[in-house]
Protein backbone atom coordinates (compact mmCIF):
# COMPACT_ATOMS: atom_id res chain seq x y z
CA UNK A 1 189.09 -13.30 -65.06
CA UNK A 2 191.38 -14.76 -62.33
CA UNK A 3 190.67 -14.18 -58.77
CA UNK A 4 193.21 -14.29 -56.01
CA UNK A 5 192.18 -16.43 -53.05
CA UNK A 6 192.15 -15.05 -49.65
CA UNK A 7 195.02 -15.82 -47.38
CA UNK A 8 194.16 -17.88 -44.37
CA UNK A 9 194.09 -15.99 -41.09
CA UNK A 10 197.46 -15.90 -39.54
CA UNK A 11 199.22 -14.86 -36.42
CA UNK A 12 199.02 -10.94 -35.48
CA UNK A 13 202.35 -9.57 -35.37
CA UNK A 14 202.66 -7.55 -32.26
CA UNK A 15 205.53 -5.65 -30.80
CA UNK A 16 206.10 -8.49 -28.26
CA UNK A 17 206.61 -10.80 -31.21
CA UNK A 18 208.96 -8.60 -32.94
CA UNK A 19 211.01 -7.79 -29.94
CA UNK A 20 211.31 -11.67 -29.17
CA UNK A 21 212.70 -12.09 -32.87
CA UNK A 22 215.05 -9.23 -32.45
CA UNK A 23 216.20 -10.69 -29.18
CA UNK A 24 216.66 -14.12 -30.52
CA UNK A 25 218.70 -12.76 -33.60
CA UNK A 26 220.81 -10.43 -31.38
CA UNK A 27 221.72 -13.33 -28.90
CA UNK A 28 222.66 -15.68 -31.84
CA UNK A 29 224.80 -13.17 -33.55
CA UNK A 30 226.64 -12.21 -30.24
CA UNK A 31 227.16 -15.92 -29.49
CA UNK A 32 228.17 -16.52 -33.20
CA UNK A 33 230.78 -13.56 -32.85
CA UNK A 34 232.22 -14.84 -29.74
CA UNK A 35 232.56 -18.40 -30.87
CA UNK A 36 234.05 -17.25 -34.20
CA UNK A 37 236.69 -15.22 -32.20
CA UNK A 38 237.68 -18.15 -30.05
CA UNK A 39 237.87 -20.56 -33.18
CA UNK A 40 240.03 -18.04 -34.93
CA UNK A 41 242.41 -17.68 -32.04
CA UNK A 42 242.77 -21.40 -31.72
CA UNK A 43 243.34 -22.14 -35.53
CA UNK A 44 245.57 -19.22 -36.07
CA UNK A 45 247.65 -20.16 -33.04
CA UNK A 46 248.09 -23.56 -34.22
CA UNK A 47 248.79 -22.46 -37.74
CA UNK A 48 251.55 -20.10 -36.53
CA UNK A 49 252.96 -22.66 -33.87
CA UNK A 50 253.37 -25.27 -36.87
CA UNK A 51 254.57 -22.73 -39.39
CA UNK A 52 257.67 -23.96 -40.97
CA UNK A 53 258.54 -20.75 -42.93
CA UNK A 54 258.11 -16.99 -42.70
CA UNK A 55 255.26 -17.39 -45.45
CA UNK A 56 253.26 -19.70 -43.33
CA UNK A 57 253.60 -17.53 -40.36
CA UNK A 58 252.26 -14.43 -42.40
CA UNK A 59 249.36 -16.61 -43.41
CA UNK A 60 248.56 -17.39 -39.85
CA UNK A 61 248.75 -13.89 -38.82
CA UNK A 62 246.47 -12.87 -41.96
CA UNK A 63 244.09 -15.61 -41.02
CA UNK A 64 243.84 -14.37 -37.54
CA UNK A 65 243.34 -10.59 -38.39
CA UNK A 66 240.56 -11.52 -41.02
CA UNK A 67 238.76 -13.89 -38.59
CA UNK A 68 238.87 -11.53 -35.73
CA UNK A 69 237.55 -8.58 -37.80
CA UNK A 70 234.84 -10.79 -39.07
CA UNK A 71 234.03 -12.02 -35.52
CA UNK A 72 233.90 -8.44 -34.36
CA UNK A 73 231.57 -7.30 -37.13
CA UNK A 74 229.22 -10.16 -36.37
CA UNK A 75 229.34 -9.13 -32.57
CA UNK A 76 228.75 -5.61 -33.35
CA UNK A 77 225.75 -6.24 -35.43
CA UNK A 78 224.38 -8.35 -32.44
CA UNK A 79 224.95 -5.59 -30.07
CA UNK A 80 223.53 -3.00 -32.41
CA UNK A 81 220.33 -5.19 -32.87
CA UNK A 82 219.95 -5.55 -29.22
CA UNK A 83 220.44 -1.85 -28.64
CA UNK A 84 217.66 -1.08 -31.01
CA UNK A 85 215.44 -3.59 -29.14
CA UNK A 86 216.23 -1.94 -25.94
CA UNK A 87 215.40 1.43 -27.23
CA UNK A 88 212.19 0.13 -28.71
CA UNK A 89 211.08 -1.44 -25.39
CA UNK A 90 211.69 1.90 -23.85
CA UNK A 91 214.22 0.53 -21.48
CA UNK A 92 217.21 2.57 -22.52
CA UNK A 93 216.13 6.08 -21.34
């Protein structure tokens, strides 16, 4: 005999709220992707400039490649979410 207590009344989830959340997530991911790309370019450039051997230069190039791929994946997810938001709003077609 255990009864589950009722949940307190909460905020009604509307399309406007969901679209606002999607917009915030998309903007965050797009900004994070751009910032990560810039940081990657700067740090890998410094690593390459200060490389004292071929191995260190290869490490800098690898760091650059992996960082840019990661940045573009994050950026692409933000763009995809933004596109979904636009389609749901009905502003795409």
